Amino acid sequence: MDTPALSRDDARINWYRCKVDKQIMNQLMQRSDLHGFRQTLGQLALFAATGALAYTAYRNINAANWYWSMPLLFAALFVHGTGGPFVGLVAVHELCHKTPFKSPFWNEFFLKLYSFLSWSDYVWFRRSHIKHHQFTVHKPYDGEVVLPQELSFKDWKFWLGLVAWNPQNTWNVWKAFYQRARGRIEGDWYQQVLPETNQRLRRDHRNWARFVLIGHAALAATFILGGHWFLVVVFTIGTQYCGWLGFLCGTPQHFGLLPNVPDFRLCCRTFTCSRLVGFYYWNMQYHIEHHMFPAVPFYKLPELRRIIEHDLPLAPHGLWATWKEILAIHRKQIADPEYCYVPPLTRPLIPTAGDRAQDIVLEREAALAI
């Protein structure tokens, strides 16, 4: 099933895509400012509310009530931090596709707002994610997700970051932004995505890192000098702790599946979940559908799923069922590092043509065309 070897100049892979009527696909690709505002403002309001709850809990701690107010504070921070990954790269990801809003202005505005809040490098990620969609888990052309992936269950720092705060992770983020602000590009994938020949792109990358560093430093100084230092915990590093739910949602996307195959049904995973988790996760639990038709906004992925479900693998429902599958695969990969899970398909891998949007249209509409 492997895709034939590609040269660096090859433009695309001949991906299998389920047949969808062209008129229906055009309707699915329609964007809505209303839906975009509902997601972005709703999520930001929820993040602000949990942050306000944590701040209020902190302000009400005293010597007489510490025995119950401190646990309340930790619980509030846990809830606040749980939403952090979804205000971070999950949101930035969808906004990089330019699909949440009909208006390009609002897509770009919220992309930069979410990127600033979460210390996200959207300049690099946008370029990296284009290649991830074009060459999904094809070595060495997709450096964003490289299979097989490993799970670090034996590392206590891994658990610290999931259920509390790992200071090393925060330090690594700050150090990386400092290096980028100086114009240093480290790592082969970064060098490939931000080539030295594209000085304008590198300048944008450097300037964004400087903006984030200076902006957060100014806000942190304002918080501290104003007597509200705890806002540094709530806002400055508010997306960098208690990342358990983001991990549980994000890891299944490609884990344990086949690399180097031109079929998203075999290299991506869809699961279904509650509306609350789907809201947090911007419906990226529909990951096969998202890769197959990236121009479809996240709020229309459930509808797309219903249309093409007959041609997709069965999807586990809920994180519990999904992780039973993930852990079973993990155990098999420990015993046999070459093992990959191959979901049963109702139809074989036969590239199809018909009344559906073509690859070039999907890529252009999803902001994936370079």
Protein backbone atom coordinates (compact mmCIF):
# COMPACT_ATOMS: atom_id res chain seq x y z
CA MET A 1 0.00 0.00 0.00
CA ASP A 2 3.01 2.31 0.19
CA THR A 3 2.99 5.41 -1.96
CA PRO A 4 5.71 5.42 -4.62
CA ALA A 5 8.79 7.41 -3.69
CA LEU A 6 8.34 11.15 -4.13
CA SER A 7 10.86 13.72 -5.19
CA ARG A 8 11.15 17.00 -3.32
CA ASP A 9 9.50 18.72 -6.27
CA ASP A 10 6.38 16.54 -6.37
CA ALA A 11 3.30 18.64 -5.80
CA ARG A 12 0.86 16.17 -4.32
CA ILE A 13 -0.19 12.63 -3.47
CA ASN A 14 -3.16 11.05 -5.22
CA TRP A 15 -5.29 10.75 -2.07
CA TYR A 16 -8.39 8.61 -1.87
CA ARG A 17 -11.43 10.78 -1.14
CA CYS A 18 -14.98 9.57 -0.67
CA LYS A 19 -17.33 10.55 -3.46
CA VAL A 20 -19.53 13.52 -2.54
CA ASP A 21 -21.91 15.33 -4.85
CA LYS A 22 -20.31 18.57 -6.02
CA GLN A 23 -23.32 20.70 -5.06
CA ILE A 24 -23.41 19.19 -1.57
CA MET A 25 -19.67 19.74 -1.19
CA ASN A 26 -20.03 23.38 -2.20
CA GLN A 27 -22.68 23.78 0.51
CA LEU A 28 -20.47 22.07 3.08
CA MET A 29 -17.59 24.42 2.29
CA GLN A 30 -19.70 27.52 2.99
CA ARG A 31 -18.41 29.46 6.01
CA SER A 32 -20.35 31.46 8.56
CA ASP A 33 -19.24 34.42 10.66
CA LEU A 34 -22.02 33.58 13.12
CA HIS A 35 -20.66 30.08 13.71
CA GLY A 36 -17.14 31.46 13.92
CA PHE A 37 -18.08 34.02 16.57
CA ARG A 38 -20.07 31.45 18.51
CA GLN A 39 -17.03 29.20 18.76
CA THR A 40 -14.29 31.77 19.33
CA LEU A 41 -16.15 34.12 21.67
CA GLY A 42 -17.82 31.23 23.49
CA GLN A 43 -14.51 29.51 24.09
CA LEU A 44 -12.74 32.70 25.13
CA ALA A 45 -15.62 33.54 27.49
CA LEU A 46 -15.37 30.09 29.06
CA PHE A 47 -11.61 30.46 29.46
CA ALA A 48 -12.07 33.91 31.00
CA ALA A 49 -14.75 32.60 33.37
CA THR A 50 -12.58 29.75 34.65
CA GLY A 51 -9.69 32.19 35.01
CA ALA A 52 -11.87 34.60 36.97
CA LEU A 53 -12.99 31.72 39.19
CA ALA A 54 -9.38 30.78 39.92
CA TYR A 55 -8.44 34.40 40.60
CA THR A 56 -11.41 34.87 42.93
CA ALA A 57 -10.52 31.66 44.78
CA TYR A 58 -6.97 32.94 45.25
CA ARG A 59 -8.11 36.35 46.53
CA ASN A 60 -10.32 34.72 49.16
CA ILE A 61 -7.65 32.54 50.77
CA ASN A 62 -6.76 33.49 54.35
CA ALA A 63 -5.39 31.91 57.51
CA ALA A 64 -8.85 30.95 58.74
CA ASN A 65 -10.07 29.10 55.64
CA TRP A 66 -6.90 27.81 53.96
CA TYR A 67 -7.78 24.16 54.64
CA TRP A 68 -10.74 24.31 52.26
CA SER A 69 -9.91 27.38 50.13
CA MET A 70 -6.56 26.02 48.91
CA PRO A 71 -8.11 22.80 47.52
CA LEU A 72 -10.78 24.98 45.91
CA LEU A 73 -8.06 27.08 44.27
CA PHE A 74 -6.27 24.01 42.94
CA ALA A 75 -9.56 22.65 41.58
CA ALA A 76 -10.28 25.98 39.86
CA LEU A 77 -6.80 26.04 38.31
CA PHE A 78 -7.26 22.45 37.14
CA VAL A 79 -10.50 23.37 35.37
CA HIS A 80 -8.92 26.51 33.90
CA GLY A 81 -5.82 24.68 32.70
CA THR A 82 -7.91 21.89 31.19
CA GLY A 83 -9.21 24.37 28.62
CA GLY A 84 -5.73 25.68 27.85
CA PRO A 85 -4.74 23.37 24.96
CA PHE A 86 -7.98 24.16 23.15
CA VAL A 87 -7.33 27.89 23.39
CA GLY A 88 -3.87 27.07 22.07
CA LEU A 89 -2.82 25.06 19.05
CA VAL A 90 -6.23 23.41 18.59
CA ALA A 91 -7.82 26.80 17.90
CA VAL A 92 -4.78 28.08 16.02
CA HIS A 93 -4.92 25.00 13.80
CA GLU A 94 -8.45 25.63 12.58
CA LEU A 95 -7.89 29.37 12.17
CA CYS A 96 -4.81 28.62 10.04
CA HIS A 97 -7.19 26.85 7.65
CA LYS A 98 -9.15 30.13 7.38
CA THR A 99 -12.42 28.19 7.56
CA PRO A 100 -14.15 29.28 10.82
CA PHE A 101 -15.23 32.70 9.49
CA LYS A 102 -16.51 33.85 6.15
CA SER A 103 -14.63 37.11 6.68
CA PRO A 104 -10.84 36.80 6.12
CA PHE A 105 -10.34 39.67 8.58
CA TRP A 106 -11.89 37.78 11.50
CA ASN A 107 -10.01 34.59 10.67
CA GLU A 108 -6.72 36.48 10.80
CA PHE A 109 -7.69 38.54 13.86
CA PHE A 110 -8.61 35.55 15.99
CA LEU A 111 -5.64 33.56 14.68
CA LYS A 112 -3.27 36.18 16.08
CA LEU A 113 -5.30 36.64 19.28
CA TYR A 114 -5.34 32.92 20.09
CA SER A 115 -1.69 32.59 19.09
CA PHE A 116 -0.71 35.39 21.46
CA LEU A 117 -2.75 34.04 24.36
CA SER A 118 -1.23 30.57 24.02
CA TRP A 119 2.35 31.37 23.00
CA SER A 120 1.75 29.67 19.65
CA ASP A 121 4.08 30.05 16.67
CA TYR A 122 1.43 30.42 13.99
CA VAL A 123 3.89 31.63 11.32
CA TRP A 124 5.75 28.32 11.41
CA PHE A 125 2.70 26.18 12.11
CA ARG A 126 0.74 27.48 9.13
CA ARG A 127 3.50 26.45 6.73
CA SER A 128 4.14 23.17 8.53
CA HIS A 129 0.48 22.25 8.50
CA ILE A 130 0.19 22.77 4.77
CA LYS A 131 2.77 20.02 4.29
CA HIS A 132 1.10 17.86 6.93
CA HIS A 133 -2.10 17.88 4.87
CA GLN A 134 -0.39 17.42 1.54
CA PHE A 135 1.87 14.56 2.73
CA THR A 136 0.11 13.23 5.83
CA VAL A 137 2.53 10.91 7.73
CA HIS A 138 4.59 10.32 4.59
CA LYS A 139 8.27 10.21 5.49
CA PRO A 140 10.21 12.47 5.20
CA TYR A 141 7.79 15.02 3.75
CA ASP A 142 5.59 15.38 6.85
CA GLY A 143 7.73 16.42 9.80
CA GLU A 144 4.74 17.54 11.86
CA VAL A 145 3.54 14.01 12.65
CA VAL A 146 6.07 11.20 12.38
CA LEU A 147 4.91 7.61 12.87
CA PRO A 148 5.32 5.57 14.95
CA GLN A 149 4.65 7.84 17.92
CA GLU A 150 5.72 7.02 21.46
CA LEU A 151 3.88 7.45 24.77
CA SER A 152 5.96 8.48 27.80
CA PHE A 153 3.87 6.90 30.55
CA LYS A 154 6.96 6.08 32.67
CA ASP A 155 8.18 9.69 32.76
CA TRP A 156 6.93 11.52 35.88
CA LYS A 157 7.39 14.88 34.14
CA PHE A 158 4.86 13.76 31.53
CA TRP A 159 2.26 13.17 34.25
CA LEU A 160 3.18 16.43 35.98
CA GLY A 161 2.31 18.36 32.83
CA LEU A 162 -0.96 16.47 32.41
CA VAL A 163 -2.43 16.97 35.89
CA ALA A 164 -0.48 19.98 37.20
CA TRP A 165 2.31 22.23 35.92
CA ASN A 166 5.72 21.23 34.58
CA PRO A 167 7.96 24.33 34.86
CA GLN A 168 10.39 22.80 32.37
CA ASN A 169 7.75 22.93 29.64
CA THR A 170 7.11 26.62 30.28
CA TRP A 171 10.84 27.35 30.31
CA ASN A 172 11.24 25.53 27.00
CA VAL A 173 8.48 27.65 25.44
CA TRP A 174 10.04 30.89 26.68
CA LYS A 175 13.52 29.83 25.57
CA ALA A 176 12.25 28.85 22.12
CA PHE A 177 10.54 32.21 21.63
CA TYR A 178 13.67 34.02 22.76
CA GLN A 179 15.75 32.12 20.21
CA ARG A 180 13.21 32.81 17.46
CA ALA A 181 13.14 36.50 18.38
CA ARG A 182 16.90 36.52 17.73
CA GLY A 183 16.32 34.94 14.32
CA ARG A 184 17.63 31.50 15.23
CA ILE A 185 15.90 28.59 13.49
CA GLU A 186 16.67 25.20 15.03
CA GLY A 187 15.74 21.72 13.83
CA ASP A 188 15.60 20.18 10.37
CA TRP A 189 11.82 20.53 10.05
CA TYR A 190 11.88 24.20 11.05
CA GLN A 191 14.64 24.79 8.51
CA GLN A 192 12.61 23.07 5.80
CA VAL A 193 9.38 24.91 6.59
CA LEU A 194 11.10 28.28 7.02
CA PRO A 195 13.86 28.10 4.39
CA GLU A 196 16.74 30.53 4.50
CA THR A 197 15.88 31.59 0.96
CA ASN A 198 12.58 33.07 2.16
CA GLN A 199 13.81 36.04 4.18
CA ARG A 200 10.39 37.68 4.30
CA LEU A 201 8.91 34.62 5.98
CA ARG A 202 11.80 34.48 8.43
CA ARG A 203 11.35 38.16 9.23
CA ASP A 204 7.64 37.60 9.94
CA HIS A 205 8.57 34.65 12.15
CA ARG A 206 11.14 36.70 14.07
CA ASN A 207 8.80 39.67 14.49
CA TRP A 208 5.97 37.48 15.80
CA ALA A 209 8.27 35.97 18.43
CA ARG A 210 9.33 39.46 19.51
CA PHE A 211 5.73 40.64 19.70
CA VAL A 212 4.73 37.69 21.90
CA LEU A 213 7.73 38.09 24.22
CA ILE A 214 7.40 41.85 24.62
CA GLY A 215 3.62 41.71 24.92
CA HIS A 216 3.56 39.03 27.61
CA ALA A 217 6.47 40.64 29.48
CA ALA A 218 4.64 43.98 29.53
CA LEU A 219 1.42 42.38 30.73
CA ALA A 220 3.22 40.35 33.40
CA ALA A 221 4.99 43.48 34.65
CA THR A 222 1.65 45.30 34.75
CA PHE A 223 0.06 42.48 36.74
CA ILE A 224 2.91 42.38 39.26
CA LEU A 225 3.33 46.14 39.69
CA GLY A 226 -0.43 46.49 40.03
CA GLY A 227 -0.53 44.01 42.89
CA HIS A 228 -2.22 41.25 40.87
CA TRP A 229 0.70 38.86 40.36
CA PHE A 230 -1.63 35.85 40.33
CA LEU A 231 -2.84 36.95 36.90
CA VAL A 232 0.51 35.70 35.62
CA VAL A 233 -0.64 32.20 36.64
CA VAL A 234 -4.09 32.68 35.15
CA PHE A 235 -3.17 34.51 31.95
CA THR A 236 0.56 34.45 31.12
CA ILE A 237 0.96 30.69 31.59
CA GLY A 238 -2.73 29.84 31.64
CA THR A 239 -2.46 27.49 28.65
CA GLN A 240 0.58 25.61 29.96
CA TYR A 241 -0.72 23.36 32.73
CA CYS A 242 -3.24 20.54 33.28
CA GLY A 243 -3.11 19.45 29.64
CA TRP A 244 -4.71 16.04 30.25
CA LEU A 245 -7.82 16.53 28.10
CA GLY A 246 -5.87 18.00 25.21
CA PHE A 247 -3.59 14.96 25.32
CA LEU A 248 -6.50 12.51 25.41
CA CYS A 249 -8.18 14.22 22.45
CA GLY A 250 -5.14 14.93 20.30
CA THR A 251 -3.07 11.76 20.58
CA PRO A 252 -5.58 9.47 18.76
CA GLN A 253 -5.40 11.52 15.53
CA HIS A 254 -2.75 9.30 13.91
CA PHE A 255 -1.46 7.05 16.68
CA GLY A 256 -0.63 3.48 15.69
CA LEU A 257 -1.87 3.86 12.12
CA LEU A 258 -0.18 3.28 8.77
CA PRO A 259 2.41 5.72 7.41
CA ASN A 260 3.08 6.25 3.71
CA VAL A 261 -0.38 5.30 2.42
CA PRO A 262 -2.53 7.57 0.20
CA ASP A 263 -5.72 6.89 2.17
CA PHE A 264 -6.77 9.07 5.10
CA ARG A 265 -8.99 6.24 6.35
CA LEU A 266 -5.83 4.27 7.12
CA CYS A 267 -3.61 7.03 8.53
CA CYS A 268 -6.13 9.16 10.45
CA ARG A 269 -8.59 8.27 13.21
CA THR A 270 -12.09 9.55 13.88
CA PHE A 271 -13.87 9.12 17.19
CA THR A 272 -17.13 10.58 18.45
CA CYS A 273 -17.65 12.27 21.79
CA SER A 274 -19.93 14.52 23.84
CA ARG A 275 -20.87 17.98 22.61
CA LEU A 276 -18.82 19.65 25.35
CA VAL A 277 -15.64 17.82 24.39
CA GLY A 278 -16.38 18.44 20.71
CA PHE A 279 -16.84 22.16 21.44
CA TYR A 280 -13.52 22.33 23.25
CA TYR A 281 -11.81 20.31 20.53
CA TRP A 282 -13.24 22.26 17.58
CA ASN A 283 -14.72 18.98 16.24
CA MET A 284 -11.27 17.64 15.38
CA GLN A 285 -12.44 14.25 16.63
CA TYR A 286 -13.69 13.95 13.02
CA HIS A 287 -10.11 13.69 11.87
CA ILE A 288 -10.49 11.47 8.81
CA GLU A 289 -13.17 13.81 7.51
CA HIS A 290 -11.03 16.87 8.23
CA HIS A 291 -8.04 15.51 6.32
CA MET A 292 -10.13 14.18 3.46
CA PHE A 293 -12.00 17.47 2.97
CA PRO A 294 -9.97 20.21 4.73
CA ALA A 295 -12.04 23.03 3.24
CA VAL A 296 -15.11 21.97 5.23
CA PRO A 297 -15.40 24.16 8.38
CA PHE A 298 -15.17 22.33 11.69
CA TYR A 299 -18.83 23.03 12.51
CA LYS A 300 -19.94 21.10 9.41
CA LEU A 301 -17.80 18.02 9.99
CA PRO A 302 -20.62 16.10 11.77
CA GLU A 303 -22.80 16.61 8.69
CA LEU A 304 -19.98 15.51 6.41
CA ARG A 305 -19.53 12.41 8.56
CA ARG A 306 -23.18 11.44 8.09
CA ILE A 307 -22.85 11.77 4.30
CA ILE A 308 -19.75 9.61 3.86
CA GLU A 309 -20.01 7.36 6.93
CA HIS A 310 -20.80 4.32 4.78
CA ASP A 311 -17.29 4.55 3.28
CA LEU A 312 -15.39 5.10 6.54
CA PRO A 313 -14.14 2.82 9.33
CA LEU A 314 -16.34 2.51 12.40
CA ALA A 315 -15.61 5.25 14.93
CA PRO A 316 -15.31 4.48 18.66
CA HIS A 317 -17.63 6.58 20.81
CA GLY A 318 -16.13 8.47 23.71
CA LEU A 319 -12.61 8.86 25.00
CA TRP A 320 -12.84 5.69 27.09
CA ALA A 321 -13.51 3.46 24.07
CA THR A 322 -11.00 5.37 21.97
CA TRP A 323 -8.24 4.94 24.52
CA LYS A 324 -8.98 1.26 24.96
CA GLU A 325 -8.11 0.99 21.27
CA ILE A 326 -5.05 3.23 21.60
CA LEU A 327 -3.63 1.32 24.58
CA ALA A 328 -4.20 -2.04 22.88
CA ILE A 329 -2.23 -0.77 19.88
CA HIS A 330 0.45 0.61 22.20
CA ARG A 331 0.94 -2.77 23.85
CA LYS A 332 1.25 -4.46 20.46
CA GLN A 333 3.79 -1.90 19.27
CA ILE A 334 5.90 -2.49 22.37
CA ALA A 335 5.95 -6.20 21.54
CA ASP A 336 6.38 -5.59 17.80
CA PRO A 337 7.72 -2.13 16.82
CA GLU A 338 6.68 -2.75 13.19
CA TYR A 339 3.00 -3.25 14.09
CA CYS A 340 0.41 -0.83 12.68
CA TYR A 341 -3.33 -0.98 13.14
CA VAL A 342 -5.25 -1.37 9.87
CA PRO A 343 -8.96 -0.57 10.26
CA PRO A 344 -11.35 -2.64 8.13
CA LEU A 345 -12.72 -0.73 5.15
CA THR A 346 -15.99 -1.23 3.32
CA ARG A 347 -14.29 -0.25 0.05
CA PRO A 348 -10.71 -0.90 -1.08
CA LEU A 349 -8.20 1.82 -1.78
CA ILE A 350 -9.30 2.83 -5.27
CA PRO A 351 -8.79 6.49 -6.20
CA THR A 352 -12.19 7.82 -7.20
CA ALA A 353 -13.39 10.55 -9.46
CA GLY A 354 -16.83 11.99 -9.71
CA ASP A 355 -19.02 14.87 -8.62
CA ARG A 356 -16.86 16.15 -5.80
CA ALA A 357 -14.47 19.01 -5.21
CA GLN A 358 -11.02 18.22 -6.56
CA ASP A 359 -7.81 18.31 -4.55
CA ILE A 360 -6.69 21.69 -5.83
CA VAL A 361 -10.04 23.26 -4.90
CA LEU A 362 -9.99 21.72 -1.43
CA GLU A 363 -6.46 22.88 -0.81
CA ARG A 364 -7.11 26.39 -2.03
CA GLU A 365 -10.31 26.75 -0.01
CA ALA A 366 -8.62 25.38 3.13
CA ALA A 367 -5.68 27.80 2.78
CA LEU A 368 -3.37 24.86 2.04
CA ALA A 369 -2.07 26.04 -1.31
CA ILE A 370 1.40 27.55 -1.00
